[in-house]
N, C-alpha and C. Protein backbone atom coordinates (compact mmCIF):
# COMPACT_ATOMS: atom_id res chain seq x y z
N MET A 1 -303.33 -128.82 -85.03
CA MET A 1 -303.73 -128.62 -86.41
C MET A 1 -303.53 -127.14 -86.76
N ASN A 2 -302.79 -126.86 -87.83
CA ASN A 2 -302.59 -125.49 -88.31
C ASN A 2 -303.66 -125.18 -89.34
N ILE A 3 -304.48 -124.17 -89.05
CA ILE A 3 -305.59 -123.81 -89.91
C ILE A 3 -305.48 -122.34 -90.28
N VAL A 4 -305.69 -122.06 -91.56
CA VAL A 4 -305.78 -120.68 -92.02
C VAL A 4 -307.21 -120.43 -92.47
N VAL A 5 -307.81 -119.37 -91.97
CA VAL A 5 -309.13 -118.94 -92.42
C VAL A 5 -308.94 -117.63 -93.16
N ALA A 6 -309.38 -117.61 -94.41
CA ALA A 6 -309.31 -116.40 -95.22
C ALA A 6 -310.73 -115.87 -95.44
N ILE A 7 -310.89 -114.59 -95.27
CA ILE A 7 -312.17 -113.92 -95.53
C ILE A 7 -311.99 -113.07 -96.77
N THR A 8 -312.82 -113.33 -97.79
CA THR A 8 -312.72 -112.56 -99.04
C THR A 8 -313.95 -111.68 -99.19
N GLY A 9 -314.04 -111.00 -100.30
CA GLY A 9 -315.07 -109.99 -100.51
C GLY A 9 -316.41 -110.49 -100.96
N ALA A 10 -316.95 -111.46 -100.26
CA ALA A 10 -318.29 -111.95 -100.54
C ALA A 10 -319.14 -111.75 -99.29
N SER A 11 -320.43 -111.66 -99.49
CA SER A 11 -321.34 -111.57 -98.36
C SER A 11 -321.26 -112.86 -97.55
N GLY A 12 -321.47 -112.74 -96.25
CA GLY A 12 -321.43 -113.92 -95.39
C GLY A 12 -320.26 -113.92 -94.43
N VAL A 13 -319.70 -112.76 -94.15
CA VAL A 13 -318.52 -112.68 -93.28
C VAL A 13 -318.79 -113.20 -91.87
N PHE A 14 -320.05 -113.18 -91.44
CA PHE A 14 -320.37 -113.67 -90.10
C PHE A 14 -320.01 -115.15 -89.95
N VAL A 15 -320.11 -115.91 -91.04
CA VAL A 15 -319.76 -117.33 -90.98
C VAL A 15 -318.25 -117.47 -90.76
N GLY A 16 -317.45 -116.70 -91.48
CA GLY A 16 -316.01 -116.74 -91.29
C GLY A 16 -315.61 -116.33 -89.89
N LEU A 17 -316.25 -115.28 -89.36
CA LEU A 17 -315.96 -114.82 -88.00
C LEU A 17 -316.31 -115.88 -86.97
N LYS A 18 -317.46 -116.51 -87.14
CA LYS A 18 -317.91 -117.56 -86.21
C LYS A 18 -316.96 -118.76 -86.28
N LEU A 19 -316.51 -119.10 -87.49
CA LEU A 19 -315.58 -120.22 -87.66
C LEU A 19 -314.28 -119.94 -86.90
N ILE A 20 -313.74 -118.76 -87.07
CA ILE A 20 -312.51 -118.39 -86.36
C ILE A 20 -312.71 -118.52 -84.86
N ASP A 21 -313.83 -118.03 -84.36
CA ASP A 21 -314.14 -118.09 -82.93
C ASP A 21 -314.23 -119.53 -82.44
N GLU A 22 -314.94 -120.38 -83.17
CA GLU A 22 -315.11 -121.78 -82.77
C GLU A 22 -313.79 -122.54 -82.79
N LEU A 23 -312.97 -122.29 -83.79
CA LEU A 23 -311.68 -122.97 -83.86
C LEU A 23 -310.78 -122.55 -82.70
N LYS A 24 -310.78 -121.27 -82.37
CA LYS A 24 -309.97 -120.78 -81.25
C LYS A 24 -310.47 -121.34 -79.92
N LYS A 25 -311.78 -121.50 -79.78
CA LYS A 25 -312.35 -122.11 -78.56
C LYS A 25 -311.83 -123.53 -78.37
N ARG A 26 -311.52 -124.19 -79.47
CA ARG A 26 -311.04 -125.58 -79.43
C ARG A 26 -309.51 -125.64 -79.44
N ASP A 27 -308.88 -124.53 -79.14
CA ASP A 27 -307.41 -124.43 -79.05
C ASP A 27 -306.70 -124.84 -80.33
N MET A 28 -307.30 -124.56 -81.46
CA MET A 28 -306.65 -124.82 -82.75
C MET A 28 -305.69 -123.66 -83.04
N ASN A 29 -304.64 -123.94 -83.77
CA ASN A 29 -303.70 -122.91 -84.19
C ASN A 29 -304.28 -122.26 -85.44
N VAL A 30 -304.92 -121.09 -85.27
CA VAL A 30 -305.64 -120.42 -86.35
C VAL A 30 -304.93 -119.14 -86.76
N SER A 31 -304.68 -119.01 -88.06
CA SER A 31 -304.18 -117.77 -88.63
C SER A 31 -305.23 -117.23 -89.59
N THR A 32 -305.21 -115.92 -89.80
CA THR A 32 -306.22 -115.32 -90.66
C THR A 32 -305.60 -114.44 -91.73
N ILE A 33 -306.31 -114.38 -92.85
CA ILE A 33 -306.01 -113.45 -93.93
C ILE A 33 -307.34 -112.80 -94.30
N VAL A 34 -307.35 -111.49 -94.39
CA VAL A 34 -308.56 -110.78 -94.81
C VAL A 34 -308.19 -109.98 -96.05
N SER A 35 -308.87 -110.27 -97.16
CA SER A 35 -308.58 -109.53 -98.39
C SER A 35 -309.05 -108.09 -98.25
N LYS A 36 -308.59 -107.25 -99.15
CA LYS A 36 -309.02 -105.84 -99.14
C LYS A 36 -310.54 -105.76 -99.30
N ALA A 37 -311.09 -106.53 -100.22
CA ALA A 37 -312.53 -106.55 -100.42
C ALA A 37 -313.24 -107.14 -99.19
N GLY A 38 -312.60 -108.13 -98.57
CA GLY A 38 -313.15 -108.72 -97.35
C GLY A 38 -313.27 -107.68 -96.24
N LYS A 39 -312.28 -106.81 -96.13
CA LYS A 39 -312.31 -105.74 -95.12
C LYS A 39 -313.50 -104.81 -95.37
N LYS A 40 -313.77 -104.54 -96.64
CA LYS A 40 -314.91 -103.68 -96.98
C LYS A 40 -316.24 -104.34 -96.60
N VAL A 41 -316.35 -105.63 -96.89
CA VAL A 41 -317.58 -106.35 -96.56
C VAL A 41 -317.74 -106.46 -95.04
N LEU A 42 -316.65 -106.72 -94.32
CA LEU A 42 -316.71 -106.76 -92.85
C LEU A 42 -317.23 -105.44 -92.29
N LYS A 43 -316.77 -104.35 -92.84
CA LYS A 43 -317.20 -103.03 -92.38
C LYS A 43 -318.69 -102.82 -92.69
N GLU A 44 -319.11 -103.25 -93.86
CA GLU A 44 -320.51 -103.07 -94.28
C GLU A 44 -321.46 -104.00 -93.54
N GLU A 45 -321.14 -105.29 -93.47
CA GLU A 45 -322.06 -106.27 -92.88
C GLU A 45 -321.94 -106.35 -91.36
N ALA A 46 -320.71 -106.41 -90.86
CA ALA A 46 -320.51 -106.64 -89.43
C ALA A 46 -320.18 -105.37 -88.65
N LYS A 47 -319.97 -104.29 -89.38
CA LYS A 47 -319.64 -103.00 -88.75
C LYS A 47 -318.36 -103.08 -87.93
N ILE A 48 -317.39 -103.89 -88.42
CA ILE A 48 -316.11 -104.00 -87.72
C ILE A 48 -314.96 -103.88 -88.69
N GLU A 49 -313.81 -103.56 -88.15
CA GLU A 49 -312.57 -103.59 -88.92
C GLU A 49 -311.75 -104.74 -88.36
N LEU A 50 -311.18 -105.52 -89.25
CA LEU A 50 -310.41 -106.68 -88.82
C LEU A 50 -309.16 -106.78 -89.67
N GLU A 51 -308.04 -106.83 -89.01
CA GLU A 51 -306.77 -107.07 -89.69
C GLU A 51 -306.44 -108.54 -89.54
N GLY A 52 -306.00 -109.15 -90.60
CA GLY A 52 -305.60 -110.55 -90.54
C GLY A 52 -304.21 -110.68 -89.95
N ASP A 53 -303.83 -111.89 -89.68
CA ASP A 53 -302.48 -112.17 -89.20
C ASP A 53 -301.47 -111.98 -90.34
N TYR A 54 -301.95 -112.14 -91.57
CA TYR A 54 -301.12 -111.96 -92.76
C TYR A 54 -301.84 -111.00 -93.69
N GLU A 55 -301.06 -110.23 -94.43
CA GLU A 55 -301.61 -109.32 -95.43
C GLU A 55 -301.83 -110.07 -96.74
N GLU A 56 -302.89 -109.74 -97.41
CA GLU A 56 -303.25 -110.36 -98.68
C GLU A 56 -302.11 -110.25 -99.71
N ASP A 57 -301.39 -109.16 -99.68
CA ASP A 57 -300.32 -108.94 -100.66
C ASP A 57 -298.97 -109.55 -100.27
N ASP A 58 -298.89 -110.16 -99.09
CA ASP A 58 -297.63 -110.72 -98.61
C ASP A 58 -297.39 -112.10 -99.20
N ILE A 59 -297.09 -112.11 -100.48
CA ILE A 59 -296.90 -113.37 -101.21
C ILE A 59 -295.68 -114.14 -100.71
N ALA A 60 -294.78 -113.47 -99.98
CA ALA A 60 -293.58 -114.12 -99.44
C ALA A 60 -293.78 -114.61 -98.01
N ALA A 61 -295.00 -114.55 -97.49
CA ALA A 61 -295.28 -115.02 -96.13
C ALA A 61 -294.88 -116.49 -96.00
N SER A 62 -294.48 -116.88 -94.81
CA SER A 62 -294.04 -118.26 -94.59
C SER A 62 -295.10 -119.29 -94.97
N ILE A 63 -296.37 -118.97 -94.76
CA ILE A 63 -297.43 -119.93 -95.07
C ILE A 63 -297.61 -120.13 -96.58
N ALA A 64 -297.01 -119.28 -97.40
CA ALA A 64 -297.12 -119.41 -98.86
C ALA A 64 -296.21 -120.48 -99.41
N SER A 65 -295.32 -121.00 -98.57
CA SER A 65 -294.37 -122.02 -99.02
C SER A 65 -294.87 -123.41 -98.65
N SER A 66 -294.72 -124.35 -99.55
CA SER A 66 -295.13 -125.72 -99.25
C SER A 66 -294.26 -126.36 -98.18
N SER A 67 -293.12 -125.74 -97.87
CA SER A 67 -292.27 -126.29 -96.81
C SER A 67 -292.79 -125.95 -95.41
N ASN A 68 -293.74 -125.05 -95.32
CA ASN A 68 -294.38 -124.70 -94.04
C ASN A 68 -295.80 -125.26 -94.06
N LYS A 69 -295.99 -126.36 -93.39
CA LYS A 69 -297.24 -127.10 -93.49
C LYS A 69 -298.42 -126.39 -92.84
N VAL A 70 -299.41 -126.15 -93.67
CA VAL A 70 -300.72 -125.70 -93.21
C VAL A 70 -301.65 -126.89 -93.43
N ASP A 71 -302.28 -127.36 -92.38
CA ASP A 71 -303.12 -128.56 -92.50
C ASP A 71 -304.40 -128.29 -93.28
N VAL A 72 -305.02 -127.15 -92.99
CA VAL A 72 -306.32 -126.82 -93.59
C VAL A 72 -306.37 -125.34 -93.93
N VAL A 73 -306.90 -125.05 -95.10
CA VAL A 73 -307.23 -123.67 -95.46
C VAL A 73 -308.73 -123.63 -95.74
N VAL A 74 -309.40 -122.71 -95.08
CA VAL A 74 -310.83 -122.49 -95.30
C VAL A 74 -310.99 -121.05 -95.78
N ILE A 75 -311.53 -120.89 -96.97
CA ILE A 75 -311.82 -119.56 -97.47
C ILE A 75 -313.32 -119.35 -97.27
N CYS A 76 -313.64 -118.46 -96.31
CA CYS A 76 -315.03 -118.35 -95.85
C CYS A 76 -315.34 -116.91 -95.42
N PRO A 77 -316.12 -116.21 -96.18
CA PRO A 77 -316.73 -116.60 -97.44
C PRO A 77 -315.73 -116.49 -98.58
N CYS A 78 -316.03 -117.22 -99.63
CA CYS A 78 -315.17 -117.24 -100.82
C CYS A 78 -315.90 -116.56 -101.97
N SER A 79 -315.34 -115.47 -102.45
CA SER A 79 -315.93 -114.74 -103.58
C SER A 79 -315.74 -115.54 -104.87
N MET A 80 -316.51 -115.21 -105.87
CA MET A 80 -316.35 -115.85 -107.18
C MET A 80 -315.01 -115.47 -107.79
N LYS A 81 -314.51 -114.28 -107.47
CA LYS A 81 -313.18 -113.88 -107.95
C LYS A 81 -312.11 -114.81 -107.39
N THR A 82 -312.20 -115.10 -106.09
CA THR A 82 -311.22 -115.99 -105.47
C THR A 82 -311.38 -117.41 -105.99
N LEU A 83 -312.61 -117.87 -106.12
CA LEU A 83 -312.86 -119.20 -106.71
C LEU A 83 -312.20 -119.29 -108.08
N SER A 84 -312.39 -118.28 -108.90
CA SER A 84 -311.80 -118.27 -110.23
C SER A 84 -310.28 -118.33 -110.18
N ALA A 85 -309.69 -117.54 -109.29
CA ALA A 85 -308.23 -117.55 -109.16
C ALA A 85 -307.73 -118.94 -108.76
N VAL A 86 -308.40 -119.55 -107.79
CA VAL A 86 -307.99 -120.88 -107.32
C VAL A 86 -308.17 -121.92 -108.43
N ALA A 87 -309.32 -121.90 -109.08
CA ALA A 87 -309.63 -122.90 -110.11
C ALA A 87 -308.68 -122.82 -111.29
N ASN A 88 -308.14 -121.64 -111.54
CA ASN A 88 -307.32 -121.44 -112.73
C ASN A 88 -305.84 -121.23 -112.41
N GLY A 89 -305.46 -121.52 -111.17
CA GLY A 89 -304.05 -121.44 -110.80
C GLY A 89 -303.47 -120.04 -110.86
N TYR A 90 -304.32 -119.04 -110.66
CA TYR A 90 -303.89 -117.64 -110.73
C TYR A 90 -303.53 -117.17 -109.32
N SER A 91 -302.29 -117.39 -108.95
CA SER A 91 -301.82 -117.10 -107.59
C SER A 91 -301.35 -115.65 -107.48
N ASN A 92 -302.29 -114.73 -107.55
CA ASN A 92 -301.96 -113.31 -107.57
C ASN A 92 -301.90 -112.68 -106.19
N ASN A 93 -302.26 -113.42 -105.15
CA ASN A 93 -302.17 -112.89 -103.78
C ASN A 93 -301.95 -114.07 -102.83
N LEU A 94 -301.81 -113.76 -101.55
CA LEU A 94 -301.50 -114.81 -100.58
C LEU A 94 -302.62 -115.84 -100.46
N ILE A 95 -303.86 -115.41 -100.58
CA ILE A 95 -304.98 -116.34 -100.44
C ILE A 95 -304.97 -117.37 -101.57
N SER A 96 -304.90 -116.89 -102.80
CA SER A 96 -304.91 -117.84 -103.92
C SER A 96 -303.60 -118.63 -104.00
N ARG A 97 -302.49 -118.05 -103.58
CA ARG A 97 -301.21 -118.78 -103.54
C ARG A 97 -301.29 -119.91 -102.52
N LEU A 98 -301.82 -119.61 -101.35
CA LEU A 98 -301.93 -120.63 -100.30
C LEU A 98 -302.89 -121.75 -100.74
N ALA A 99 -303.98 -121.38 -101.41
CA ALA A 99 -304.91 -122.40 -101.92
C ALA A 99 -304.20 -123.29 -102.94
N ASP A 100 -303.39 -122.69 -103.81
CA ASP A 100 -302.63 -123.44 -104.80
C ASP A 100 -301.67 -124.42 -104.13
N VAL A 101 -301.00 -123.96 -103.08
CA VAL A 101 -300.08 -124.84 -102.34
C VAL A 101 -300.85 -126.00 -101.72
N GLN A 102 -302.01 -125.73 -101.13
CA GLN A 102 -302.81 -126.80 -100.53
C GLN A 102 -303.16 -127.86 -101.56
N LEU A 103 -303.58 -127.41 -102.73
CA LEU A 103 -303.97 -128.36 -103.77
C LEU A 103 -302.78 -129.18 -104.28
N LYS A 104 -301.66 -128.52 -104.53
CA LYS A 104 -300.52 -129.26 -105.07
C LYS A 104 -299.93 -130.22 -104.04
N MET A 105 -300.08 -129.90 -102.76
CA MET A 105 -299.56 -130.77 -101.70
C MET A 105 -300.60 -131.77 -101.21
N ARG A 106 -301.78 -131.75 -101.83
CA ARG A 106 -302.89 -132.66 -101.47
C ARG A 106 -303.33 -132.47 -100.03
N ARG A 107 -303.36 -131.21 -99.61
CA ARG A 107 -303.84 -130.87 -98.26
C ARG A 107 -305.25 -130.31 -98.36
N LYS A 108 -305.92 -130.26 -97.24
CA LYS A 108 -307.33 -129.87 -97.23
C LYS A 108 -307.53 -128.39 -97.55
N LEU A 109 -308.45 -128.15 -98.50
CA LEU A 109 -308.86 -126.81 -98.90
C LEU A 109 -310.38 -126.79 -99.00
N ILE A 110 -311.00 -125.88 -98.27
CA ILE A 110 -312.46 -125.75 -98.28
C ILE A 110 -312.80 -124.33 -98.75
N LEU A 111 -313.62 -124.25 -99.80
CA LEU A 111 -314.07 -122.97 -100.30
C LEU A 111 -315.56 -122.82 -100.00
N CYS A 112 -315.90 -121.90 -99.12
CA CYS A 112 -317.30 -121.64 -98.76
C CYS A 112 -317.80 -120.52 -99.66
N ILE A 113 -318.23 -120.94 -100.84
CA ILE A 113 -318.62 -119.97 -101.85
C ILE A 113 -319.95 -119.32 -101.50
N ARG A 114 -320.07 -118.09 -101.94
CA ARG A 114 -321.25 -117.31 -101.60
C ARG A 114 -321.68 -116.51 -102.83
N GLU A 115 -322.61 -117.08 -103.55
CA GLU A 115 -323.18 -116.41 -104.73
C GLU A 115 -324.44 -117.14 -105.11
N THR A 116 -325.38 -116.43 -105.69
CA THR A 116 -326.57 -117.08 -106.22
C THR A 116 -327.23 -116.14 -107.21
N PRO A 117 -327.72 -116.61 -108.31
CA PRO A 117 -327.53 -117.96 -108.83
C PRO A 117 -326.13 -118.12 -109.40
N TYR A 118 -325.79 -119.35 -109.80
CA TYR A 118 -324.51 -119.62 -110.42
C TYR A 118 -324.65 -119.51 -111.93
N ASN A 119 -323.59 -119.03 -112.58
CA ASN A 119 -323.56 -119.13 -114.03
C ASN A 119 -322.63 -120.29 -114.38
N LEU A 120 -322.53 -120.61 -115.65
CA LEU A 120 -321.74 -121.77 -116.06
C LEU A 120 -320.26 -121.60 -115.71
N ILE A 121 -319.75 -120.38 -115.74
CA ILE A 121 -318.35 -120.15 -115.36
C ILE A 121 -318.15 -120.53 -113.90
N HIS A 122 -319.07 -120.13 -113.01
CA HIS A 122 -318.97 -120.50 -111.59
C HIS A 122 -318.98 -122.01 -111.43
N ILE A 123 -319.90 -122.66 -112.12
CA ILE A 123 -320.03 -124.11 -112.02
C ILE A 123 -318.76 -124.81 -112.52
N GLU A 124 -318.23 -124.36 -113.63
CA GLU A 124 -316.99 -124.96 -114.16
C GLU A 124 -315.82 -124.74 -113.20
N ASN A 125 -315.75 -123.56 -112.59
CA ASN A 125 -314.68 -123.31 -111.63
C ASN A 125 -314.82 -124.19 -110.39
N MET A 126 -316.06 -124.41 -109.92
CA MET A 126 -316.28 -125.32 -108.80
C MET A 126 -315.87 -126.74 -109.19
N ARG A 127 -316.20 -127.12 -110.41
CA ARG A 127 -315.85 -128.45 -110.92
C ARG A 127 -314.33 -128.63 -110.93
N LYS A 128 -313.61 -127.64 -111.44
CA LYS A 128 -312.15 -127.73 -111.50
C LYS A 128 -311.54 -127.91 -110.11
N VAL A 129 -312.00 -127.11 -109.17
CA VAL A 129 -311.46 -127.20 -107.81
C VAL A 129 -311.76 -128.57 -107.21
N THR A 130 -312.96 -129.06 -107.44
CA THR A 130 -313.34 -130.37 -106.92
C THR A 130 -312.48 -131.48 -107.53
N LEU A 131 -312.23 -131.40 -108.83
CA LEU A 131 -311.44 -132.42 -109.51
C LEU A 131 -310.01 -132.51 -108.99
N VAL A 132 -309.46 -131.40 -108.50
CA VAL A 132 -308.09 -131.43 -107.99
C VAL A 132 -308.03 -131.60 -106.47
N GLY A 133 -309.18 -131.88 -105.85
CA GLY A 133 -309.17 -132.24 -104.43
C GLY A 133 -309.71 -131.22 -103.47
N GLY A 134 -310.09 -130.05 -103.95
CA GLY A 134 -310.69 -129.06 -103.06
C GLY A 134 -312.13 -129.42 -102.73
N ILE A 135 -312.62 -128.85 -101.65
CA ILE A 135 -314.00 -129.09 -101.22
C ILE A 135 -314.77 -127.79 -101.42
N ILE A 136 -315.85 -127.88 -102.17
CA ILE A 136 -316.74 -126.74 -102.37
C ILE A 136 -317.89 -126.87 -101.40
N MET A 137 -318.05 -125.88 -100.53
CA MET A 137 -319.14 -125.88 -99.57
C MET A 137 -319.91 -124.57 -99.69
N PRO A 138 -320.92 -124.56 -100.57
CA PRO A 138 -321.69 -123.33 -100.72
C PRO A 138 -322.39 -122.96 -99.41
N LEU A 139 -322.48 -121.68 -99.17
CA LEU A 139 -323.20 -121.23 -97.98
C LEU A 139 -324.69 -121.16 -98.32
N ASN A 140 -325.25 -122.36 -98.56
CA ASN A 140 -326.67 -122.52 -98.86
C ASN A 140 -327.38 -123.04 -97.63
N ILE A 141 -328.41 -122.36 -97.23
CA ILE A 141 -329.11 -122.70 -96.00
C ILE A 141 -329.92 -124.00 -96.15
N ALA A 142 -329.96 -124.75 -95.08
CA ALA A 142 -330.85 -125.91 -94.98
C ALA A 142 -332.07 -125.47 -94.17
N TYR A 143 -333.20 -126.02 -94.47
CA TYR A 143 -334.42 -125.61 -93.78
C TYR A 143 -334.94 -126.63 -92.79
N TYR A 144 -334.45 -127.89 -92.88
CA TYR A 144 -334.98 -128.96 -92.03
C TYR A 144 -334.80 -128.69 -90.55
N PHE A 145 -333.79 -127.91 -90.16
CA PHE A 145 -333.55 -127.68 -88.74
C PHE A 145 -334.28 -126.45 -88.22
N GLU A 146 -335.10 -125.86 -89.07
CA GLU A 146 -335.98 -124.74 -88.72
C GLU A 146 -335.24 -123.59 -88.02
N PRO A 147 -334.31 -122.96 -88.72
CA PRO A 147 -333.55 -121.86 -88.11
C PRO A 147 -334.46 -120.70 -87.72
N LYS A 148 -334.18 -120.13 -86.57
CA LYS A 148 -334.99 -119.01 -86.08
C LYS A 148 -334.23 -117.69 -86.17
N THR A 149 -332.89 -117.78 -86.14
CA THR A 149 -332.08 -116.56 -86.12
C THR A 149 -330.92 -116.68 -87.11
N LEU A 150 -330.31 -115.56 -87.37
CA LEU A 150 -329.10 -115.56 -88.19
C LEU A 150 -328.01 -116.38 -87.50
N GLY A 151 -327.98 -116.33 -86.18
CA GLY A 151 -327.02 -117.14 -85.42
C GLY A 151 -327.21 -118.63 -85.67
N ASP A 152 -328.47 -119.08 -85.75
CA ASP A 152 -328.75 -120.49 -86.06
C ASP A 152 -328.16 -120.88 -87.42
N ILE A 153 -328.33 -119.99 -88.39
CA ILE A 153 -327.83 -120.25 -89.74
C ILE A 153 -326.30 -120.29 -89.74
N ASN A 154 -325.68 -119.32 -89.08
CA ASN A 154 -324.22 -119.29 -89.01
C ASN A 154 -323.68 -120.54 -88.30
N ASN A 155 -324.34 -120.95 -87.22
CA ASN A 155 -323.93 -122.16 -86.50
C ASN A 155 -324.03 -123.39 -87.40
N PHE A 156 -325.07 -123.45 -88.23
CA PHE A 156 -325.22 -124.57 -89.16
C PHE A 156 -324.03 -124.66 -90.09
N PHE A 157 -323.66 -123.53 -90.71
CA PHE A 157 -322.53 -123.54 -91.65
C PHE A 157 -321.23 -123.89 -90.96
N VAL A 158 -320.98 -123.28 -89.82
CA VAL A 158 -319.73 -123.55 -89.10
C VAL A 158 -319.70 -125.00 -88.63
N GLY A 159 -320.83 -125.52 -88.18
CA GLY A 159 -320.91 -126.92 -87.79
C GLY A 159 -320.57 -127.85 -88.94
N LYS A 160 -321.05 -127.52 -90.14
CA LYS A 160 -320.74 -128.33 -91.33
C LYS A 160 -319.25 -128.29 -91.65
N ILE A 161 -318.63 -127.10 -91.52
CA ILE A 161 -317.19 -126.99 -91.76
C ILE A 161 -316.43 -127.84 -90.74
N LEU A 162 -316.82 -127.73 -89.47
CA LEU A 162 -316.17 -128.54 -88.43
C LEU A 162 -316.36 -130.03 -88.69
N ASP A 163 -317.53 -130.41 -89.21
CA ASP A 163 -317.76 -131.81 -89.58
C ASP A 163 -316.75 -132.26 -90.63
N ILE A 164 -316.53 -131.43 -91.66
CA ILE A 164 -315.57 -131.77 -92.71
C ILE A 164 -314.17 -131.96 -92.12
N LEU A 165 -313.85 -131.16 -91.10
CA LEU A 165 -312.53 -131.23 -90.47
C LEU A 165 -312.44 -132.35 -89.43
N GLY A 166 -313.55 -133.04 -89.19
CA GLY A 166 -313.55 -134.11 -88.20
C GLY A 166 -313.54 -133.60 -86.77
N ILE A 167 -314.04 -132.39 -86.56
CA ILE A 167 -314.07 -131.78 -85.23
C ILE A 167 -315.49 -131.88 -84.68
N GLU A 168 -315.62 -132.58 -83.56
CA GLU A 168 -316.93 -132.75 -82.93
C GLU A 168 -317.54 -131.40 -82.60
N ASN A 169 -318.85 -131.31 -82.81
CA ASN A 169 -319.57 -130.09 -82.46
C ASN A 169 -321.05 -130.37 -82.33
N LYS A 170 -321.71 -129.47 -81.65
CA LYS A 170 -323.17 -129.53 -81.51
C LYS A 170 -323.76 -128.17 -81.88
N LEU A 171 -323.23 -127.61 -82.96
CA LEU A 171 -323.64 -126.28 -83.35
C LEU A 171 -324.98 -126.23 -84.07
N TYR A 172 -325.43 -127.37 -84.58
CA TYR A 172 -326.71 -127.35 -85.28
C TYR A 172 -327.47 -128.65 -85.02
N LYS A 173 -328.76 -128.60 -85.24
CA LYS A 173 -329.63 -129.76 -85.05
C LYS A 173 -329.46 -130.68 -86.24
N ARG A 174 -329.04 -131.91 -85.96
CA ARG A 174 -328.82 -132.88 -87.02
C ARG A 174 -330.13 -133.55 -87.42
N TRP A 175 -330.18 -134.01 -88.64
CA TRP A 175 -331.39 -134.64 -89.16
C TRP A 175 -331.67 -135.94 -88.42
N LYS A 176 -332.87 -136.08 -87.95
CA LYS A 176 -333.34 -137.33 -87.33
C LYS A 176 -334.72 -137.59 -87.86
N LYS A 177 -334.96 -138.81 -88.23
CA LYS A 177 -336.26 -139.18 -88.78
C LYS A 177 -337.17 -139.68 -87.70
């Protein structure tokens, strides 16, 4: 499975980093894109510098073409700016171009949006993406599994993403009555 994980300029970069790590542990073919704003957030939140496999501005990258199959694109975290670009077909960089290709080719696209509260523009953009086949997965915490650490919360989100991809995992405590 060819998977691209893009990290954009929203809070929650630890989830994207954990997702990349978990996918690589499962021997998935993972490529990364880190936006300029994503690099700033990584430095602020995670205290690291990370270069992606592709540059955000490399609109001519092989993965930007529908002839080069990418099975899944996960934008995690996904900023409202990126959500807006995807929802409105504004392919101004490699991340939004790749998302556009996924949608037009009916391939899997997951946007792990990170913002609260939402305004009507955010909601309408989520609606648009959903209507054309994208999956909106807000990074909203669940409380039923009684998280104790930030790691528990990150594992919950990554586990949910892996669930969407049909990848078995035991990263979080599932609901049992």
